[in-house]
Each structure stands twice: as structure tokens, then as C-alpha cells.
Amino acid sequence: MSHPVDIQVGQRLKQLRTARGLSQTDLGNKLELSFQQIQKYEAGSNRISASRLFELAQALSVGPAYFFDGMHGEQNSSKSNASGMAVATALASIESDDTKRRILSFIEDVSAAKL
């Protein structure tokens, strides 16, 4: 059985990868990993070492702490993650890069977050 932290980190990885419009294969290629390994990380079935987490953060242009955001005190994290995944999936389905950038800029403005 997977540890809750491994599941959280995997969910955050999947959410970010999807928001960046990358497939598991795309991300795996950046790190010389198979898409199956990315799948296992995202499912939380394989733990991500500190060095690999650092490489993932660099490949996705975030700090390693991103993967641990919301670990404490969030009662509705699964509901929040589902909403975030829906937004990320919808954003990834938009074909125009210019439109994606404008939507991302809008989200950053209203949320005061930098993605």
C-alpha cells in the first residue's frame, strides 16, 4: 500500500505535467525514463527519490516544494485536486498556445499564484 505522501507527490506531478501539456512519454523522455516509470510515480506506487524529485521539478520549472504544497491542513484536498485536474485537462486540450498563455496569465492574476 502506498504512503499518503507518495500519493500526494504523484498527484501533484500528474497535475503539473498535464497543466504543462506534456504526456507521460514527453516527461519521461526529458529525464530518460520510460512512460511506465512516470505512471508509477504518478500513482504513488513507486517512491520518488530526492534527486529524481529535484530533476522533475527542474524539468517542469517549479521548486521541489511544489510537490508538497497543501500536505497539512487541507480537508478537501481530493475535491480540490479533482477540480484542478479538470482545469488542467481542459487547458491542455486547447490547441492555441497563445490562448493557453492568456488563460494561464488570467489564472495567475486572479489567484496571485505564479505557475
N, C-alpha and C. Protein backbone atom coordinates (compact mmCIF):
# COMPACT_ATOMS: atom_id res chain seq x y z
N MET A 1 0.85 -1.19 0.00
CA MET A 1 0.00 0.00 0.00
C MET A 1 0.89 1.24 0.00
N SER A 2 0.52 2.20 -0.80
CA SER A 2 1.30 3.43 -0.96
C SER A 2 1.13 4.34 0.25
N HIS A 3 2.20 5.06 0.56
CA HIS A 3 2.18 6.04 1.64
C HIS A 3 1.44 7.29 1.15
N PRO A 4 0.66 7.96 2.02
CA PRO A 4 -0.08 9.15 1.60
C PRO A 4 0.79 10.25 0.99
N VAL A 5 2.01 10.38 1.46
CA VAL A 5 2.91 11.40 0.91
C VAL A 5 3.27 11.04 -0.54
N ASP A 6 3.53 9.77 -0.81
CA ASP A 6 3.85 9.34 -2.17
C ASP A 6 2.67 9.57 -3.11
N ILE A 7 1.47 9.35 -2.60
CA ILE A 7 0.27 9.59 -3.39
C ILE A 7 0.12 11.07 -3.69
N GLN A 8 0.31 11.93 -2.67
CA GLN A 8 0.21 13.39 -2.84
C GLN A 8 1.22 13.88 -3.86
N VAL A 9 2.46 13.44 -3.74
CA VAL A 9 3.51 13.88 -4.66
C VAL A 9 3.17 13.41 -6.08
N GLY A 10 2.69 12.19 -6.22
CA GLY A 10 2.30 11.67 -7.54
C GLY A 10 1.14 12.46 -8.15
N GLN A 11 0.17 12.82 -7.32
CA GLN A 11 -0.96 13.61 -7.83
C GLN A 11 -0.50 14.98 -8.29
N ARG A 12 0.37 15.59 -7.50
CA ARG A 12 0.89 16.92 -7.88
C ARG A 12 1.71 16.82 -9.17
N LEU A 13 2.48 15.75 -9.32
CA LEU A 13 3.26 15.53 -10.54
C LEU A 13 2.33 15.42 -11.75
N LYS A 14 1.30 14.61 -11.63
CA LYS A 14 0.36 14.43 -12.73
C LYS A 14 -0.35 15.74 -13.07
N GLN A 15 -0.77 16.45 -12.04
CA GLN A 15 -1.46 17.73 -12.24
C GLN A 15 -0.57 18.71 -13.00
N LEU A 16 0.67 18.82 -12.58
CA LEU A 16 1.59 19.76 -13.22
C LEU A 16 1.95 19.33 -14.64
N ARG A 17 2.21 18.04 -14.81
CA ARG A 17 2.54 17.53 -16.15
C ARG A 17 1.40 17.81 -17.12
N THR A 18 0.18 17.56 -16.66
CA THR A 18 -0.99 17.80 -17.50
C THR A 18 -1.16 19.28 -17.80
N ALA A 19 -0.96 20.12 -16.78
CA ALA A 19 -1.08 21.56 -16.98
C ALA A 19 -0.04 22.07 -17.98
N ARG A 20 1.10 21.44 -18.02
CA ARG A 20 2.15 21.83 -18.97
C ARG A 20 1.91 21.25 -20.36
N GLY A 21 0.87 20.42 -20.49
CA GLY A 21 0.55 19.84 -21.79
C GLY A 21 1.51 18.74 -22.22
N LEU A 22 2.13 18.08 -21.25
CA LEU A 22 3.08 17.02 -21.55
C LEU A 22 2.44 15.65 -21.34
N SER A 23 2.78 14.72 -22.20
CA SER A 23 2.36 13.33 -21.99
C SER A 23 3.36 12.69 -21.03
N GLN A 24 3.01 11.51 -20.54
CA GLN A 24 3.96 10.77 -19.70
C GLN A 24 5.22 10.44 -20.49
N THR A 25 5.06 10.16 -21.77
CA THR A 25 6.21 9.87 -22.63
C THR A 25 7.10 11.11 -22.79
N ASP A 26 6.46 12.28 -23.00
CA ASP A 26 7.23 13.52 -23.14
C ASP A 26 8.10 13.76 -21.90
N LEU A 27 7.48 13.65 -20.73
CA LEU A 27 8.22 13.89 -19.49
C LEU A 27 9.29 12.82 -19.28
N GLY A 28 8.94 11.59 -19.57
CA GLY A 28 9.92 10.51 -19.45
C GLY A 28 11.13 10.74 -20.34
N ASN A 29 10.88 11.18 -21.56
CA ASN A 29 11.99 11.45 -22.48
C ASN A 29 12.91 12.55 -21.96
N LYS A 30 12.34 13.57 -21.33
CA LYS A 30 13.17 14.65 -20.77
C LYS A 30 14.13 14.14 -19.71
N LEU A 31 13.72 13.09 -18.99
CA LEU A 31 14.51 12.58 -17.87
C LEU A 31 15.13 11.21 -18.16
N GLU A 32 14.99 10.77 -19.43
CA GLU A 32 15.49 9.45 -19.82
C GLU A 32 14.87 8.34 -18.97
N LEU A 33 13.53 8.43 -18.82
CA LEU A 33 12.74 7.43 -18.10
C LEU A 33 11.67 6.91 -19.04
N SER A 34 11.14 5.75 -18.73
CA SER A 34 10.02 5.23 -19.52
C SER A 34 8.72 5.89 -19.05
N PHE A 35 7.72 5.88 -19.92
CA PHE A 35 6.43 6.43 -19.50
C PHE A 35 5.85 5.59 -18.37
N GLN A 36 6.20 4.29 -18.33
CA GLN A 36 5.71 3.43 -17.26
C GLN A 36 6.23 3.90 -15.89
N GLN A 37 7.48 4.37 -15.87
CA GLN A 37 8.04 4.86 -14.60
C GLN A 37 7.30 6.12 -14.17
N ILE A 38 7.00 7.01 -15.11
CA ILE A 38 6.22 8.22 -14.78
C ILE A 38 4.85 7.80 -14.25
N GLN A 39 4.23 6.80 -14.88
CA GLN A 39 2.93 6.29 -14.41
C GLN A 39 3.02 5.83 -12.96
N LYS A 40 4.06 5.09 -12.64
CA LYS A 40 4.23 4.57 -11.28
C LYS A 40 4.44 5.71 -10.29
N TYR A 41 5.21 6.72 -10.68
CA TYR A 41 5.39 7.89 -9.81
C TYR A 41 4.05 8.58 -9.57
N GLU A 42 3.29 8.78 -10.64
CA GLU A 42 2.01 9.49 -10.52
C GLU A 42 0.99 8.71 -9.70
N ALA A 43 1.04 7.41 -9.75
CA ALA A 43 0.12 6.57 -8.98
C ALA A 43 0.55 6.47 -7.52
N GLY A 44 1.79 6.85 -7.24
CA GLY A 44 2.30 6.73 -5.88
C GLY A 44 2.78 5.33 -5.55
N SER A 45 2.82 4.46 -6.55
CA SER A 45 3.26 3.09 -6.29
C SER A 45 4.78 2.97 -6.23
N ASN A 46 5.49 3.90 -6.86
CA ASN A 46 6.95 3.99 -6.73
C ASN A 46 7.29 5.32 -6.08
N ARG A 47 8.13 5.26 -5.08
CA ARG A 47 8.58 6.49 -4.43
C ARG A 47 9.57 7.22 -5.32
N ILE A 48 9.55 8.54 -5.20
CA ILE A 48 10.47 9.37 -5.98
C ILE A 48 11.61 9.79 -5.07
N SER A 49 12.84 9.46 -5.46
CA SER A 49 14.00 9.83 -4.65
C SER A 49 14.17 11.35 -4.67
N ALA A 50 14.91 11.86 -3.72
CA ALA A 50 15.14 13.31 -3.64
C ALA A 50 15.81 13.84 -4.91
N SER A 51 16.78 13.12 -5.43
CA SER A 51 17.47 13.59 -6.63
C SER A 51 16.53 13.57 -7.84
N ARG A 52 15.68 12.55 -7.94
CA ARG A 52 14.73 12.47 -9.05
C ARG A 52 13.66 13.55 -8.90
N LEU A 53 13.22 13.82 -7.67
CA LEU A 53 12.24 14.88 -7.44
C LEU A 53 12.81 16.22 -7.86
N PHE A 54 14.08 16.45 -7.58
CA PHE A 54 14.75 17.67 -7.99
C PHE A 54 14.78 17.77 -9.52
N GLU A 55 15.10 16.67 -10.19
CA GLU A 55 15.12 16.66 -11.67
C GLU A 55 13.73 16.90 -12.25
N LEU A 56 12.71 16.29 -11.65
CA LEU A 56 11.34 16.52 -12.10
C LEU A 56 10.95 17.99 -11.94
N ALA A 57 11.31 18.56 -10.80
CA ALA A 57 11.00 19.97 -10.56
C ALA A 57 11.67 20.86 -11.60
N GLN A 58 12.93 20.58 -11.90
CA GLN A 58 13.64 21.36 -12.92
C GLN A 58 12.99 21.20 -14.29
N ALA A 59 12.64 19.97 -14.65
CA ALA A 59 12.04 19.71 -15.96
C ALA A 59 10.69 20.40 -16.11
N LEU A 60 10.00 20.60 -14.98
CA LEU A 60 8.67 21.21 -15.02
C LEU A 60 8.68 22.67 -14.55
N SER A 61 9.86 23.20 -14.31
CA SER A 61 10.05 24.62 -13.95
C SER A 61 9.33 25.03 -12.66
N VAL A 62 9.45 24.20 -11.63
CA VAL A 62 8.93 24.54 -10.31
C VAL A 62 9.99 24.19 -9.28
N GLY A 63 9.80 24.66 -8.06
CA GLY A 63 10.67 24.25 -6.97
C GLY A 63 10.22 22.91 -6.44
N PRO A 64 11.11 22.13 -5.84
CA PRO A 64 10.73 20.82 -5.29
C PRO A 64 9.60 20.91 -4.26
N ALA A 65 9.50 22.03 -3.57
CA ALA A 65 8.46 22.20 -2.56
C ALA A 65 7.06 22.16 -3.17
N TYR A 66 6.94 22.43 -4.47
CA TYR A 66 5.64 22.41 -5.14
C TYR A 66 4.91 21.09 -4.88
N PHE A 67 5.66 20.00 -4.88
CA PHE A 67 5.06 18.67 -4.75
C PHE A 67 4.49 18.41 -3.36
N PHE A 68 4.87 19.24 -2.39
CA PHE A 68 4.41 19.05 -1.02
C PHE A 68 3.40 20.11 -0.57
N ASP A 69 3.09 21.06 -1.45
CA ASP A 69 2.13 22.10 -1.11
C ASP A 69 0.79 21.47 -0.73
N GLY A 70 0.20 21.98 0.36
CA GLY A 70 -1.10 21.51 0.80
C GLY A 70 -1.08 20.21 1.56
N MET A 71 0.08 19.75 1.99
CA MET A 71 0.16 18.48 2.71
C MET A 71 -0.55 18.53 4.06
N HIS A 72 -0.50 19.68 4.73
CA HIS A 72 -1.08 19.78 6.06
C HIS A 72 -2.29 20.69 6.05
N GLY A 73 -3.32 20.28 6.73
CA GLY A 73 -4.46 21.15 6.99
C GLY A 73 -5.49 21.25 5.89
N GLU A 74 -5.35 20.55 4.80
CA GLU A 74 -6.36 20.61 3.75
C GLU A 74 -7.31 19.43 3.90
N GLN A 75 -8.52 19.71 4.31
CA GLN A 75 -9.52 18.66 4.49
C GLN A 75 -10.12 18.23 3.16
N ASN A 76 -10.23 19.14 2.22
CA ASN A 76 -10.91 18.86 0.96
C ASN A 76 -9.92 18.69 -0.19
N SER A 77 -8.75 18.13 0.09
CA SER A 77 -7.72 18.07 -0.94
C SER A 77 -8.13 17.21 -2.14
N SER A 78 -8.88 16.13 -1.91
CA SER A 78 -9.26 15.30 -3.06
C SER A 78 -10.25 16.04 -3.95
N LYS A 79 -11.17 16.80 -3.37
CA LYS A 79 -12.11 17.59 -4.15
C LYS A 79 -11.35 18.69 -4.90
N SER A 80 -10.41 19.32 -4.22
CA SER A 80 -9.60 20.37 -4.83
C SER A 80 -8.74 19.80 -5.95
N ASN A 81 -8.16 18.63 -5.74
CA ASN A 81 -7.34 18.00 -6.78
C ASN A 81 -8.17 17.64 -8.00
N ALA A 82 -9.39 17.16 -7.78
CA ALA A 82 -10.26 16.80 -8.90
C ALA A 82 -10.59 18.05 -9.73
N SER A 83 -10.88 19.15 -9.06
CA SER A 83 -11.17 20.40 -9.77
C SER A 83 -9.94 20.87 -10.54
N GLY A 84 -8.79 20.80 -9.90
CA GLY A 84 -7.55 21.20 -10.56
C GLY A 84 -7.24 20.35 -11.76
N MET A 85 -7.49 19.06 -11.64
CA MET A 85 -7.25 18.16 -12.78
C MET A 85 -8.20 18.49 -13.93
N ALA A 86 -9.44 18.82 -13.61
CA ALA A 86 -10.40 19.16 -14.66
C ALA A 86 -9.95 20.41 -15.40
N VAL A 87 -9.47 21.41 -14.66
CA VAL A 87 -8.99 22.64 -15.28
C VAL A 87 -7.75 22.34 -16.13
N ALA A 88 -6.83 21.56 -15.57
CA ALA A 88 -5.60 21.23 -16.30
C ALA A 88 -5.90 20.46 -17.58
N THR A 89 -6.84 19.53 -17.51
CA THR A 89 -7.21 18.75 -18.69
C THR A 89 -7.83 19.65 -19.76
N ALA A 90 -8.71 20.54 -19.32
CA ALA A 90 -9.35 21.46 -20.27
C ALA A 90 -8.32 22.37 -20.92
N LEU A 91 -7.38 22.89 -20.11
CA LEU A 91 -6.34 23.76 -20.64
C LEU A 91 -5.45 23.02 -21.64
N ALA A 92 -5.11 21.79 -21.32
CA ALA A 92 -4.25 21.00 -22.20
C ALA A 92 -4.93 20.71 -23.54
N SER A 93 -6.27 20.68 -23.55
CA SER A 93 -6.98 20.37 -24.79
C SER A 93 -7.08 21.57 -25.75
N ILE A 94 -6.72 22.76 -25.28
CA ILE A 94 -6.74 23.94 -26.14
C ILE A 94 -5.54 23.89 -27.07
N GLU A 95 -5.78 24.06 -28.36
CA GLU A 95 -4.71 23.92 -29.35
C GLU A 95 -3.84 25.17 -29.47
N SER A 96 -4.40 26.34 -29.28
CA SER A 96 -3.65 27.58 -29.48
C SER A 96 -2.76 27.87 -28.27
N ASP A 97 -1.44 27.94 -28.52
CA ASP A 97 -0.50 28.27 -27.45
C ASP A 97 -0.75 29.67 -26.91
N ASP A 98 -1.11 30.60 -27.80
CA ASP A 98 -1.39 31.97 -27.37
C ASP A 98 -2.58 32.00 -26.42
N THR A 99 -3.62 31.27 -26.75
CA THR A 99 -4.81 31.21 -25.88
C THR A 99 -4.45 30.59 -24.53
N LYS A 100 -3.66 29.53 -24.55
CA LYS A 100 -3.23 28.89 -23.29
C LYS A 100 -2.47 29.89 -22.42
N ARG A 101 -1.55 30.65 -23.03
CA ARG A 101 -0.76 31.63 -22.26
C ARG A 101 -1.67 32.70 -21.66
N ARG A 102 -2.67 33.16 -22.44
CA ARG A 102 -3.58 34.19 -21.93
C ARG A 102 -4.42 33.67 -20.78
N ILE A 103 -4.89 32.42 -20.89
CA ILE A 103 -5.68 31.82 -19.80
C ILE A 103 -4.81 31.63 -18.57
N LEU A 104 -3.60 31.15 -18.74
CA LEU A 104 -2.69 30.96 -17.62
C LEU A 104 -2.39 32.29 -16.94
N SER A 105 -2.17 33.33 -17.73
CA SER A 105 -1.93 34.66 -17.18
C SER A 105 -3.13 35.13 -16.36
N PHE A 106 -4.33 34.90 -16.86
CA PHE A 106 -5.54 35.26 -16.14
C PHE A 106 -5.64 34.51 -14.81
N ILE A 107 -5.38 33.21 -14.84
CA ILE A 107 -5.43 32.40 -13.62
C ILE A 107 -4.40 32.90 -12.61
N GLU A 108 -3.19 33.22 -13.08
CA GLU A 108 -2.17 33.75 -12.17
C GLU A 108 -2.62 35.06 -11.56
N ASP A 109 -3.26 35.93 -12.36
CA ASP A 109 -3.73 37.22 -11.86
C ASP A 109 -4.78 37.06 -10.76
N VAL A 110 -5.76 36.20 -11.00
CA VAL A 110 -6.86 36.08 -10.03
C VAL A 110 -6.48 35.24 -8.81
N SER A 111 -5.50 34.38 -8.96
CA SER A 111 -5.12 33.54 -7.82
C SER A 111 -3.90 34.04 -7.08
N ALA A 112 -3.21 35.02 -7.63
CA ALA A 112 -1.97 35.54 -7.05
C ALA A 112 -0.91 34.44 -6.95
N ALA A 113 -0.98 33.44 -7.84
CA ALA A 113 -0.01 32.36 -7.88
C ALA A 113 0.80 32.47 -9.16
N LYS A 114 2.05 32.04 -9.10
CA LYS A 114 2.89 32.05 -10.28
C LYS A 114 3.14 30.60 -10.68
N LEU A 115 2.67 30.19 -11.87
CA LEU A 115 2.81 28.80 -12.34
C LEU A 115 3.93 28.70 -13.35
